[in-house]
Amino acid sequence: MSHLSAHILDTRWGVPAAGVELTLSTASGEHIASATTDADGRVRDLGPQTLDTGDYRITFETGDYFAASDQATFFPRITVDFTIGSTQEHYHVPLLLSPFAFSTYRGS
């Protein structure tokens, strides 16, 4: 079964980004699931255990995270589009985050 997880690291301080809201949707915008990062900056299970192959979108609501520490940010939310190519694989979407930059990749 496919499995989806995410992880956010705040590279400004070198710590996990706890308390960030995430939403998973189809590429066309149909809501599938929502979650909040834990103290380790992780969402271990995002969405159903089996995702069909196709295109999806995770939205990281980073504006509230930065506002909580009175930090301005250029990115109030970050949207990552990705493709599930196999229902038999684990998919992990890490986000490296700072107030004015971010990067992401397919993790393991």
N, C-alpha and C. Protein backbone atom coordinates (compact mmCIF):
# COMPACT_ATOMS: atom_id res chain seq x y z
N MET A 1 0.83 -1.19 0.00
CA MET A 1 0.00 0.00 0.00
C MET A 1 0.87 1.25 0.00
N SER A 2 0.43 2.26 -0.69
CA SER A 2 1.15 3.53 -0.67
C SER A 2 0.97 4.17 0.70
N HIS A 3 1.97 4.91 1.09
CA HIS A 3 1.98 5.58 2.39
C HIS A 3 2.61 6.94 2.18
N LEU A 4 2.02 7.98 2.76
CA LEU A 4 2.51 9.34 2.57
C LEU A 4 2.84 9.97 3.91
N SER A 5 4.02 10.56 3.99
CA SER A 5 4.44 11.27 5.20
C SER A 5 5.13 12.57 4.78
N ALA A 6 5.32 13.46 5.76
CA ALA A 6 5.98 14.74 5.50
C ALA A 6 6.79 15.14 6.72
N HIS A 7 7.76 16.04 6.51
CA HIS A 7 8.64 16.48 7.57
C HIS A 7 9.07 17.90 7.25
N ILE A 8 9.06 18.78 8.25
CA ILE A 8 9.48 20.17 8.03
C ILE A 8 10.60 20.50 9.01
N LEU A 9 11.71 21.02 8.47
CA LEU A 9 12.81 21.52 9.28
C LEU A 9 12.93 23.02 9.08
N ASP A 10 12.98 23.75 10.17
CA ASP A 10 13.17 25.19 10.15
C ASP A 10 14.67 25.45 10.10
N THR A 11 15.19 25.76 8.92
CA THR A 11 16.63 25.94 8.76
C THR A 11 17.12 27.27 9.36
N ARG A 12 16.21 28.15 9.68
CA ARG A 12 16.57 29.41 10.35
C ARG A 12 17.20 29.10 11.70
N TRP A 13 16.61 28.14 12.44
CA TRP A 13 17.08 27.79 13.78
C TRP A 13 17.67 26.39 13.85
N GLY A 14 17.51 25.61 12.79
CA GLY A 14 18.02 24.25 12.81
C GLY A 14 17.18 23.32 13.68
N VAL A 15 15.86 23.54 13.68
CA VAL A 15 14.96 22.74 14.52
C VAL A 15 13.78 22.25 13.69
N PRO A 16 13.09 21.22 14.17
CA PRO A 16 11.85 20.80 13.50
C PRO A 16 10.80 21.90 13.62
N ALA A 17 9.95 22.01 12.61
CA ALA A 17 8.87 22.99 12.61
C ALA A 17 7.60 22.32 13.12
N ALA A 18 7.34 22.47 14.41
CA ALA A 18 6.16 21.86 15.04
C ALA A 18 4.95 22.76 14.87
N GLY A 19 3.78 22.14 14.77
CA GLY A 19 2.53 22.88 14.74
C GLY A 19 2.14 23.47 13.41
N VAL A 20 2.73 23.00 12.32
CA VAL A 20 2.38 23.50 10.99
C VAL A 20 1.23 22.66 10.42
N GLU A 21 0.20 23.34 9.96
CA GLU A 21 -0.94 22.65 9.36
C GLU A 21 -0.60 22.26 7.92
N LEU A 22 -0.98 21.05 7.54
CA LEU A 22 -0.80 20.54 6.18
C LEU A 22 -2.14 20.07 5.66
N THR A 23 -2.36 20.25 4.37
CA THR A 23 -3.52 19.65 3.74
C THR A 23 -3.07 18.88 2.52
N LEU A 24 -3.71 17.77 2.30
CA LEU A 24 -3.48 16.94 1.12
C LEU A 24 -4.72 17.03 0.26
N SER A 25 -4.51 17.27 -1.02
CA SER A 25 -5.63 17.33 -1.95
C SER A 25 -5.21 16.72 -3.28
N THR A 26 -6.21 16.47 -4.10
CA THR A 26 -5.92 16.05 -5.47
C THR A 26 -5.39 17.27 -6.22
N ALA A 27 -4.82 17.05 -7.38
CA ALA A 27 -4.31 18.16 -8.18
C ALA A 27 -5.42 19.11 -8.57
N SER A 28 -6.66 18.62 -8.65
CA SER A 28 -7.79 19.48 -9.02
C SER A 28 -8.36 20.23 -7.81
N GLY A 29 -7.81 19.98 -6.60
CA GLY A 29 -8.22 20.73 -5.43
C GLY A 29 -9.17 20.02 -4.48
N GLU A 30 -9.53 18.77 -4.75
CA GLU A 30 -10.42 18.04 -3.85
C GLU A 30 -9.69 17.66 -2.57
N HIS A 31 -10.20 18.12 -1.42
CA HIS A 31 -9.57 17.87 -0.13
C HIS A 31 -9.59 16.38 0.20
N ILE A 32 -8.45 15.87 0.66
CA ILE A 32 -8.35 14.47 1.06
C ILE A 32 -8.13 14.34 2.57
N ALA A 33 -7.17 15.13 3.11
CA ALA A 33 -6.84 15.00 4.53
C ALA A 33 -6.14 16.26 5.02
N SER A 34 -6.15 16.43 6.34
CA SER A 34 -5.42 17.51 7.00
C SER A 34 -4.69 16.92 8.19
N ALA A 35 -3.59 17.56 8.58
CA ALA A 35 -2.81 17.11 9.74
C ALA A 35 -1.95 18.28 10.22
N THR A 36 -1.37 18.11 11.39
CA THR A 36 -0.47 19.10 11.97
C THR A 36 0.84 18.42 12.32
N THR A 37 1.96 19.09 12.03
CA THR A 37 3.25 18.49 12.36
C THR A 37 3.40 18.34 13.87
N ASP A 38 4.02 17.24 14.29
CA ASP A 38 4.24 16.97 15.70
C ASP A 38 5.49 17.71 16.20
N ALA A 39 5.91 17.43 17.42
CA ALA A 39 7.06 18.11 18.02
C ALA A 39 8.35 17.87 17.23
N ASP A 40 8.39 16.79 16.46
CA ASP A 40 9.55 16.48 15.63
C ASP A 40 9.39 17.03 14.21
N GLY A 41 8.35 17.85 13.98
CA GLY A 41 8.12 18.43 12.66
C GLY A 41 7.58 17.45 11.64
N ARG A 42 7.03 16.34 12.12
CA ARG A 42 6.60 15.27 11.22
C ARG A 42 5.09 15.06 11.20
N VAL A 43 4.63 14.63 10.05
CA VAL A 43 3.31 14.03 9.90
C VAL A 43 3.61 12.64 9.36
N ARG A 44 3.39 11.65 10.19
CA ARG A 44 3.79 10.28 9.83
C ARG A 44 2.80 9.59 8.91
N ASP A 45 1.54 9.97 8.98
CA ASP A 45 0.51 9.39 8.12
C ASP A 45 -0.38 10.52 7.62
N LEU A 46 -0.22 10.89 6.37
CA LEU A 46 -1.05 11.94 5.78
C LEU A 46 -1.97 11.30 4.76
N GLY A 47 -3.24 11.29 5.07
CA GLY A 47 -4.22 10.75 4.14
C GLY A 47 -4.45 9.27 4.35
N PRO A 48 -5.21 8.70 3.45
CA PRO A 48 -5.54 7.27 3.55
C PRO A 48 -4.31 6.40 3.32
N GLN A 49 -4.37 5.17 3.80
CA GLN A 49 -3.24 4.25 3.62
C GLN A 49 -2.97 3.93 2.17
N THR A 50 -3.97 4.00 1.32
CA THR A 50 -3.76 3.72 -0.09
C THR A 50 -4.18 4.93 -0.92
N LEU A 51 -3.23 5.50 -1.60
CA LEU A 51 -3.52 6.58 -2.54
C LEU A 51 -3.41 6.01 -3.94
N ASP A 52 -4.36 6.33 -4.78
CA ASP A 52 -4.30 5.90 -6.17
C ASP A 52 -3.14 6.60 -6.86
N THR A 53 -2.69 6.03 -7.96
CA THR A 53 -1.67 6.71 -8.75
C THR A 53 -2.28 8.00 -9.30
N GLY A 54 -1.45 9.00 -9.47
CA GLY A 54 -1.93 10.27 -9.99
C GLY A 54 -1.24 11.45 -9.33
N ASP A 55 -1.74 12.63 -9.62
CA ASP A 55 -1.15 13.87 -9.14
C ASP A 55 -1.86 14.37 -7.89
N TYR A 56 -1.05 14.84 -6.93
CA TYR A 56 -1.54 15.31 -5.65
C TYR A 56 -0.86 16.63 -5.28
N ARG A 57 -1.37 17.23 -4.20
CA ARG A 57 -0.83 18.51 -3.74
C ARG A 57 -0.83 18.53 -2.21
N ILE A 58 0.31 18.92 -1.63
CA ILE A 58 0.36 19.20 -0.19
C ILE A 58 0.53 20.70 -0.04
N THR A 59 -0.29 21.29 0.83
CA THR A 59 -0.15 22.71 1.15
C THR A 59 0.32 22.82 2.59
N PHE A 60 1.46 23.47 2.77
CA PHE A 60 2.04 23.72 4.08
C PHE A 60 1.66 25.15 4.47
N GLU A 61 0.90 25.32 5.56
CA GLU A 61 0.46 26.64 6.01
C GLU A 61 1.55 27.26 6.89
N THR A 62 2.55 27.82 6.26
CA THR A 62 3.73 28.31 6.98
C THR A 62 3.55 29.70 7.58
N GLY A 63 2.59 30.46 7.10
CA GLY A 63 2.39 31.82 7.61
C GLY A 63 2.09 31.86 9.09
N ASP A 64 1.20 30.99 9.56
CA ASP A 64 0.87 30.94 10.99
C ASP A 64 2.06 30.52 11.82
N TYR A 65 2.87 29.61 11.29
CA TYR A 65 4.06 29.14 12.00
C TYR A 65 5.01 30.31 12.26
N PHE A 66 5.28 31.11 11.24
CA PHE A 66 6.19 32.24 11.42
C PHE A 66 5.55 33.35 12.25
N ALA A 67 4.26 33.58 12.08
CA ALA A 67 3.57 34.62 12.85
C ALA A 67 3.64 34.32 14.35
N ALA A 68 3.62 33.05 14.73
CA ALA A 68 3.67 32.67 16.14
C ALA A 68 4.96 33.13 16.81
N SER A 69 6.02 33.35 16.03
CA SER A 69 7.28 33.86 16.60
C SER A 69 7.57 35.28 16.11
N ASP A 70 6.53 35.98 15.69
CA ASP A 70 6.66 37.37 15.21
C ASP A 70 7.70 37.52 14.11
N GLN A 71 7.78 36.53 13.24
CA GLN A 71 8.73 36.53 12.14
C GLN A 71 7.99 36.76 10.83
N ALA A 72 8.40 37.78 10.09
CA ALA A 72 7.83 38.01 8.76
C ALA A 72 8.29 36.89 7.83
N THR A 73 7.46 36.59 6.85
CA THR A 73 7.82 35.58 5.87
C THR A 73 7.31 35.99 4.50
N PHE A 74 7.99 35.58 3.48
CA PHE A 74 7.58 35.84 2.12
C PHE A 74 6.60 34.78 1.63
N PHE A 75 6.55 33.64 2.33
CA PHE A 75 5.75 32.50 1.91
C PHE A 75 4.70 32.15 2.97
N PRO A 76 3.49 32.69 2.89
CA PRO A 76 2.46 32.37 3.87
C PRO A 76 1.97 30.93 3.75
N ARG A 77 2.17 30.35 2.61
CA ARG A 77 1.87 28.93 2.41
C ARG A 77 2.75 28.44 1.26
N ILE A 78 3.06 27.16 1.33
CA ILE A 78 3.89 26.54 0.30
C ILE A 78 3.12 25.34 -0.25
N THR A 79 2.98 25.30 -1.54
CA THR A 79 2.26 24.22 -2.20
C THR A 79 3.24 23.38 -2.98
N VAL A 80 3.18 22.08 -2.75
CA VAL A 80 4.06 21.14 -3.44
C VAL A 80 3.18 20.16 -4.20
N ASP A 81 3.34 20.14 -5.51
CA ASP A 81 2.64 19.17 -6.36
C ASP A 81 3.57 18.00 -6.62
N PHE A 82 3.01 16.80 -6.59
CA PHE A 82 3.82 15.60 -6.79
C PHE A 82 2.96 14.50 -7.39
N THR A 83 3.61 13.44 -7.84
CA THR A 83 2.92 12.33 -8.49
C THR A 83 3.15 11.04 -7.74
N ILE A 84 2.07 10.33 -7.44
CA ILE A 84 2.13 8.98 -6.91
C ILE A 84 2.20 8.06 -8.13
N GLY A 85 3.33 7.38 -8.28
CA GLY A 85 3.51 6.53 -9.45
C GLY A 85 3.21 5.07 -9.20
N SER A 86 3.18 4.69 -7.92
CA SER A 86 2.94 3.29 -7.57
C SER A 86 2.18 3.23 -6.25
N THR A 87 1.22 2.37 -6.18
CA THR A 87 0.46 2.20 -4.94
C THR A 87 1.21 1.30 -3.96
N GLN A 88 2.37 0.81 -4.33
CA GLN A 88 3.14 -0.10 -3.48
C GLN A 88 4.33 0.56 -2.81
N GLU A 89 4.49 1.89 -2.95
CA GLU A 89 5.65 2.58 -2.41
C GLU A 89 5.29 3.54 -1.28
N HIS A 90 6.31 3.88 -0.49
CA HIS A 90 6.21 4.92 0.52
C HIS A 90 6.64 6.23 -0.12
N TYR A 91 5.89 7.29 0.11
CA TYR A 91 6.23 8.61 -0.40
C TYR A 91 6.41 9.55 0.79
N HIS A 92 7.53 10.27 0.79
CA HIS A 92 7.87 11.19 1.88
C HIS A 92 8.22 12.54 1.26
N VAL A 93 7.61 13.60 1.78
CA VAL A 93 7.83 14.95 1.25
C VAL A 93 8.44 15.82 2.35
N PRO A 94 9.76 15.97 2.38
CA PRO A 94 10.41 16.85 3.34
C PRO A 94 10.40 18.29 2.83
N LEU A 95 10.33 19.22 3.76
CA LEU A 95 10.38 20.64 3.43
C LEU A 95 11.44 21.29 4.31
N LEU A 96 12.42 21.92 3.69
CA LEU A 96 13.43 22.72 4.40
C LEU A 96 12.97 24.16 4.29
N LEU A 97 12.78 24.81 5.43
CA LEU A 97 12.05 26.06 5.48
C LEU A 97 12.82 27.16 6.20
N SER A 98 12.77 28.35 5.63
CA SER A 98 13.22 29.56 6.32
C SER A 98 12.23 30.66 5.93
N PRO A 99 12.28 31.82 6.57
CA PRO A 99 11.28 32.84 6.27
C PRO A 99 11.26 33.30 4.81
N PHE A 100 12.40 33.20 4.11
CA PHE A 100 12.47 33.75 2.77
C PHE A 100 13.00 32.76 1.73
N ALA A 101 12.99 31.47 2.08
CA ALA A 101 13.43 30.44 1.13
C ALA A 101 12.89 29.10 1.59
N PHE A 102 12.77 28.17 0.64
CA PHE A 102 12.42 26.80 0.98
C PHE A 102 12.93 25.88 -0.12
N SER A 103 13.07 24.61 0.23
CA SER A 103 13.37 23.58 -0.77
C SER A 103 12.68 22.30 -0.32
N THR A 104 12.44 21.45 -1.30
CA THR A 104 11.79 20.19 -1.03
C THR A 104 12.36 19.15 -1.99
N TYR A 105 12.11 17.89 -1.67
CA TYR A 105 12.61 16.80 -2.50
C TYR A 105 11.82 15.55 -2.14
N ARG A 106 11.97 14.49 -2.90
CA ARG A 106 11.34 13.24 -2.52
C ARG A 106 12.26 12.53 -1.54
N GLY A 107 11.80 12.39 -0.34
CA GLY A 107 12.59 11.74 0.70
C GLY A 107 12.37 10.25 0.70
N SER A 108 12.93 9.63 1.72
CA SER A 108 12.79 8.18 1.86
C SER A 108 12.11 7.82 3.16
